[in-house]
Amino acid sequence: MIGSFLAAIIVGGIAGWLAEKVMKSDMGLMMNIILGVVGAIVLSFILRLTGLGSGAGASFSWEYLIVGFVGACLLIFIARLVRR
């Protein structure tokens, strides 16, 4: 349990940091972790609803990193739309 939580934070932080660099935003470490983890949760949920997701758990895997990255990019994009 603690290991998967720690893995989710680490992978979420990496995914959020990558999204921050790609989307050219400046948010900081804590926001990167939040974006990566929340992005992975949101996008995993959407993918499972459409039948495309496998329901990757909160462990260190490439699938979780990619889903977290894409989800974080999506959240940054939506936040920019709302702020305008």
N, C-alpha and C. Protein backbone atom coordinates (compact mmCIF):
# COMPACT_ATOMS: atom_id res chain seq x y z
N MET A 1 0.82 -1.20 0.00
CA MET A 1 0.00 0.00 0.00
C MET A 1 0.87 1.26 0.00
N ILE A 2 1.81 1.34 0.93
CA ILE A 2 2.68 2.52 1.00
C ILE A 2 3.57 2.58 -0.24
N GLY A 3 4.02 1.42 -0.71
CA GLY A 3 4.86 1.38 -1.91
C GLY A 3 4.13 1.88 -3.14
N SER A 4 2.87 1.50 -3.29
CA SER A 4 2.11 1.95 -4.46
C SER A 4 1.78 3.44 -4.36
N PHE A 5 1.56 3.93 -3.14
CA PHE A 5 1.31 5.35 -2.94
C PHE A 5 2.56 6.16 -3.29
N LEU A 6 3.71 5.68 -2.83
CA LEU A 6 4.98 6.34 -3.13
C LEU A 6 5.27 6.29 -4.63
N ALA A 7 5.00 5.16 -5.26
CA ALA A 7 5.20 5.04 -6.70
C ALA A 7 4.29 6.00 -7.46
N ALA A 8 3.05 6.15 -7.00
CA ALA A 8 2.11 7.08 -7.66
C ALA A 8 2.62 8.50 -7.56
N ILE A 9 3.19 8.87 -6.42
CA ILE A 9 3.72 10.22 -6.25
C ILE A 9 4.93 10.44 -7.15
N ILE A 10 5.82 9.47 -7.21
CA ILE A 10 7.03 9.60 -8.03
C ILE A 10 6.67 9.65 -9.51
N VAL A 11 5.87 8.70 -9.96
CA VAL A 11 5.48 8.66 -11.37
C VAL A 11 4.62 9.86 -11.72
N GLY A 12 3.73 10.26 -10.82
CA GLY A 12 2.91 11.45 -11.05
C GLY A 12 3.75 12.71 -11.16
N GLY A 13 4.78 12.80 -10.32
CA GLY A 13 5.69 13.95 -10.39
C GLY A 13 6.44 14.00 -11.70
N ILE A 14 6.91 12.85 -12.16
CA ILE A 14 7.61 12.79 -13.45
C ILE A 14 6.67 13.15 -14.59
N ALA A 15 5.46 12.58 -14.56
CA ALA A 15 4.48 12.87 -15.61
C ALA A 15 4.10 14.36 -15.60
N GLY A 16 3.90 14.92 -14.43
CA GLY A 16 3.56 16.34 -14.33
C GLY A 16 4.70 17.23 -14.80
N TRP A 17 5.93 16.85 -14.46
CA TRP A 17 7.10 17.63 -14.89
C TRP A 17 7.24 17.59 -16.41
N LEU A 18 7.06 16.41 -17.01
CA LEU A 18 7.13 16.29 -18.47
C LEU A 18 6.03 17.14 -19.13
N ALA A 19 4.82 17.09 -18.57
CA ALA A 19 3.72 17.88 -19.12
C ALA A 19 4.02 19.37 -18.99
N GLU A 20 4.61 19.77 -17.87
CA GLU A 20 4.98 21.16 -17.66
C GLU A 20 5.96 21.63 -18.73
N LYS A 21 6.93 20.79 -19.07
CA LYS A 21 7.93 21.15 -20.08
C LYS A 21 7.31 21.21 -21.47
N VAL A 22 6.49 20.23 -21.81
CA VAL A 22 5.88 20.18 -23.14
C VAL A 22 4.88 21.32 -23.33
N MET A 23 4.09 21.61 -22.29
CA MET A 23 3.06 22.64 -22.39
C MET A 23 3.61 24.03 -22.08
N LYS A 24 4.89 24.13 -21.75
CA LYS A 24 5.56 25.40 -21.46
C LYS A 24 4.84 26.19 -20.37
N SER A 25 4.64 25.52 -19.25
CA SER A 25 4.05 26.18 -18.09
C SER A 25 5.04 26.08 -16.93
N ASP A 26 4.87 26.91 -15.94
CA ASP A 26 5.77 26.93 -14.80
C ASP A 26 4.95 26.80 -13.53
N MET A 27 4.98 25.61 -12.91
CA MET A 27 4.09 25.37 -11.79
C MET A 27 4.76 24.97 -10.49
N GLY A 28 5.86 24.32 -10.52
CA GLY A 28 6.51 23.87 -9.30
C GLY A 28 6.28 22.39 -9.02
N LEU A 29 7.08 21.86 -8.11
CA LEU A 29 7.09 20.43 -7.83
C LEU A 29 5.74 19.91 -7.33
N MET A 30 5.15 20.57 -6.36
CA MET A 30 3.91 20.06 -5.78
C MET A 30 2.78 20.03 -6.81
N MET A 31 2.67 21.07 -7.61
CA MET A 31 1.64 21.10 -8.65
C MET A 31 1.91 20.06 -9.72
N ASN A 32 3.19 19.80 -10.04
CA ASN A 32 3.53 18.75 -11.00
C ASN A 32 3.04 17.39 -10.52
N ILE A 33 3.28 17.10 -9.23
CA ILE A 33 2.84 15.83 -8.67
C ILE A 33 1.31 15.73 -8.73
N ILE A 34 0.64 16.80 -8.33
CA ILE A 34 -0.82 16.80 -8.34
C ILE A 34 -1.35 16.62 -9.76
N LEU A 35 -0.79 17.36 -10.72
CA LEU A 35 -1.23 17.24 -12.11
C LEU A 35 -1.01 15.83 -12.66
N GLY A 36 0.15 15.26 -12.36
CA GLY A 36 0.45 13.92 -12.86
C GLY A 36 -0.48 12.87 -12.30
N VAL A 37 -0.71 12.90 -10.99
CA VAL A 37 -1.56 11.91 -10.35
C VAL A 37 -3.02 12.10 -10.75
N VAL A 38 -3.51 13.34 -10.65
CA VAL A 38 -4.91 13.61 -11.02
C VAL A 38 -5.13 13.37 -12.52
N GLY A 39 -4.16 13.77 -13.33
CA GLY A 39 -4.26 13.53 -14.77
C GLY A 39 -4.36 12.05 -15.09
N ALA A 40 -3.57 11.23 -14.40
CA ALA A 40 -3.63 9.78 -14.62
C ALA A 40 -4.97 9.22 -14.17
N ILE A 41 -5.48 9.70 -13.06
CA ILE A 41 -6.77 9.21 -12.57
C ILE A 41 -7.89 9.58 -13.54
N VAL A 42 -7.92 10.84 -13.96
CA VAL A 42 -8.98 11.32 -14.86
C VAL A 42 -8.92 10.60 -16.21
N LEU A 43 -7.73 10.55 -16.80
CA LEU A 43 -7.63 9.93 -18.12
C LEU A 43 -7.87 8.42 -18.05
N SER A 44 -7.41 7.76 -16.97
CA SER A 44 -7.69 6.32 -16.81
C SER A 44 -9.19 6.07 -16.75
N PHE A 45 -9.89 6.94 -16.02
CA PHE A 45 -11.34 6.81 -15.91
C PHE A 45 -12.00 6.98 -17.28
N ILE A 46 -11.58 8.00 -18.01
CA ILE A 46 -12.15 8.24 -19.35
C ILE A 46 -11.86 7.07 -20.28
N LEU A 47 -10.63 6.56 -20.23
CA LEU A 47 -10.27 5.44 -21.10
C LEU A 47 -11.05 4.18 -20.75
N ARG A 48 -11.29 3.95 -19.46
CA ARG A 48 -12.07 2.78 -19.07
C ARG A 48 -13.53 2.91 -19.51
N LEU A 49 -14.06 4.14 -19.47
CA LEU A 49 -15.44 4.36 -19.92
C LEU A 49 -15.59 4.05 -21.41
N THR A 50 -14.56 4.38 -22.18
CA THR A 50 -14.62 4.14 -23.62
C THR A 50 -14.18 2.72 -24.00
N GLY A 51 -13.72 1.96 -23.02
CA GLY A 51 -13.28 0.59 -23.29
C GLY A 51 -11.85 0.49 -23.78
N LEU A 52 -11.11 1.59 -23.75
CA LEU A 52 -9.74 1.59 -24.25
C LEU A 52 -8.70 1.35 -23.16
N GLY A 53 -9.06 1.60 -21.91
CA GLY A 53 -8.09 1.51 -20.82
C GLY A 53 -8.05 0.13 -20.20
N SER A 54 -6.90 -0.17 -19.62
CA SER A 54 -6.76 -1.46 -18.95
C SER A 54 -6.85 -1.31 -17.44
N GLY A 55 -7.00 -0.08 -16.95
CA GLY A 55 -7.10 0.13 -15.52
C GLY A 55 -5.78 -0.03 -14.81
N ALA A 56 -4.73 0.57 -15.35
CA ALA A 56 -3.40 0.48 -14.75
C ALA A 56 -3.44 1.01 -13.33
N GLY A 57 -2.85 0.29 -12.43
CA GLY A 57 -2.83 0.68 -11.03
C GLY A 57 -1.75 1.72 -10.75
N ALA A 58 -1.67 2.11 -9.50
CA ALA A 58 -0.71 3.12 -9.09
C ALA A 58 0.64 2.48 -8.77
N SER A 59 1.26 1.92 -9.77
CA SER A 59 2.59 1.35 -9.60
C SER A 59 3.47 1.91 -10.71
N PHE A 60 4.77 1.69 -10.56
CA PHE A 60 5.67 2.24 -11.57
C PHE A 60 5.57 1.42 -12.84
N SER A 61 4.92 1.99 -13.84
CA SER A 61 4.81 1.34 -15.14
C SER A 61 4.81 2.42 -16.22
N TRP A 62 5.21 2.02 -17.39
CA TRP A 62 5.24 2.97 -18.51
C TRP A 62 3.83 3.43 -18.86
N GLU A 63 2.88 2.53 -18.74
CA GLU A 63 1.49 2.87 -19.05
C GLU A 63 0.99 3.98 -18.12
N TYR A 64 1.28 3.85 -16.82
CA TYR A 64 0.84 4.86 -15.85
C TYR A 64 1.53 6.19 -16.13
N LEU A 65 2.81 6.14 -16.50
CA LEU A 65 3.55 7.37 -16.80
C LEU A 65 2.96 8.07 -18.02
N ILE A 66 2.67 7.32 -19.06
CA ILE A 66 2.12 7.90 -20.29
C ILE A 66 0.71 8.45 -20.05
N VAL A 67 -0.11 7.68 -19.34
CA VAL A 67 -1.47 8.15 -19.05
C VAL A 67 -1.42 9.39 -18.16
N GLY A 68 -0.52 9.41 -17.18
CA GLY A 68 -0.37 10.57 -16.32
C GLY A 68 0.10 11.79 -17.09
N PHE A 69 1.04 11.59 -18.00
CA PHE A 69 1.56 12.68 -18.83
C PHE A 69 0.47 13.27 -19.71
N VAL A 70 -0.24 12.42 -20.42
CA VAL A 70 -1.30 12.89 -21.32
C VAL A 70 -2.43 13.54 -20.51
N GLY A 71 -2.78 12.94 -19.39
CA GLY A 71 -3.81 13.51 -18.53
C GLY A 71 -3.41 14.87 -17.98
N ALA A 72 -2.14 15.01 -17.57
CA ALA A 72 -1.66 16.30 -17.05
C ALA A 72 -1.67 17.36 -18.15
N CYS A 73 -1.25 16.98 -19.36
CA CYS A 73 -1.30 17.92 -20.49
C CYS A 73 -2.74 18.35 -20.75
N LEU A 74 -3.66 17.41 -20.67
CA LEU A 74 -5.07 17.72 -20.87
C LEU A 74 -5.57 18.69 -19.80
N LEU A 75 -5.18 18.47 -18.55
CA LEU A 75 -5.60 19.37 -17.47
C LEU A 75 -5.02 20.77 -17.65
N ILE A 76 -3.75 20.87 -18.07
CA ILE A 76 -3.14 22.18 -18.32
C ILE A 76 -3.89 22.90 -19.45
N PHE A 77 -4.21 22.16 -20.51
CA PHE A 77 -4.94 22.72 -21.65
C PHE A 77 -6.30 23.25 -21.21
N ILE A 78 -7.03 22.47 -20.42
CA ILE A 78 -8.35 22.88 -19.96
C ILE A 78 -8.24 24.09 -19.05
N ALA A 79 -7.23 24.12 -18.17
CA ALA A 79 -7.04 25.27 -17.28
C ALA A 79 -6.76 26.54 -18.08
N ARG A 80 -6.02 26.42 -19.15
CA ARG A 80 -5.75 27.59 -19.99
C ARG A 80 -7.01 28.07 -20.69
N LEU A 81 -7.86 27.15 -21.11
CA LEU A 81 -9.12 27.54 -21.74
C LEU A 81 -10.04 28.27 -20.76
N VAL A 82 -10.08 27.77 -19.53
CA VAL A 82 -10.94 28.37 -18.51
C VAL A 82 -10.44 29.76 -18.13
N ARG A 83 -9.13 29.93 -18.04
CA ARG A 83 -8.57 31.23 -17.63
C ARG A 83 -8.79 32.33 -18.65
N ARG A 84 -9.00 31.99 -19.92
CA ARG A 84 -9.18 33.01 -20.96
C ARG A 84 -10.50 33.62 -20.88
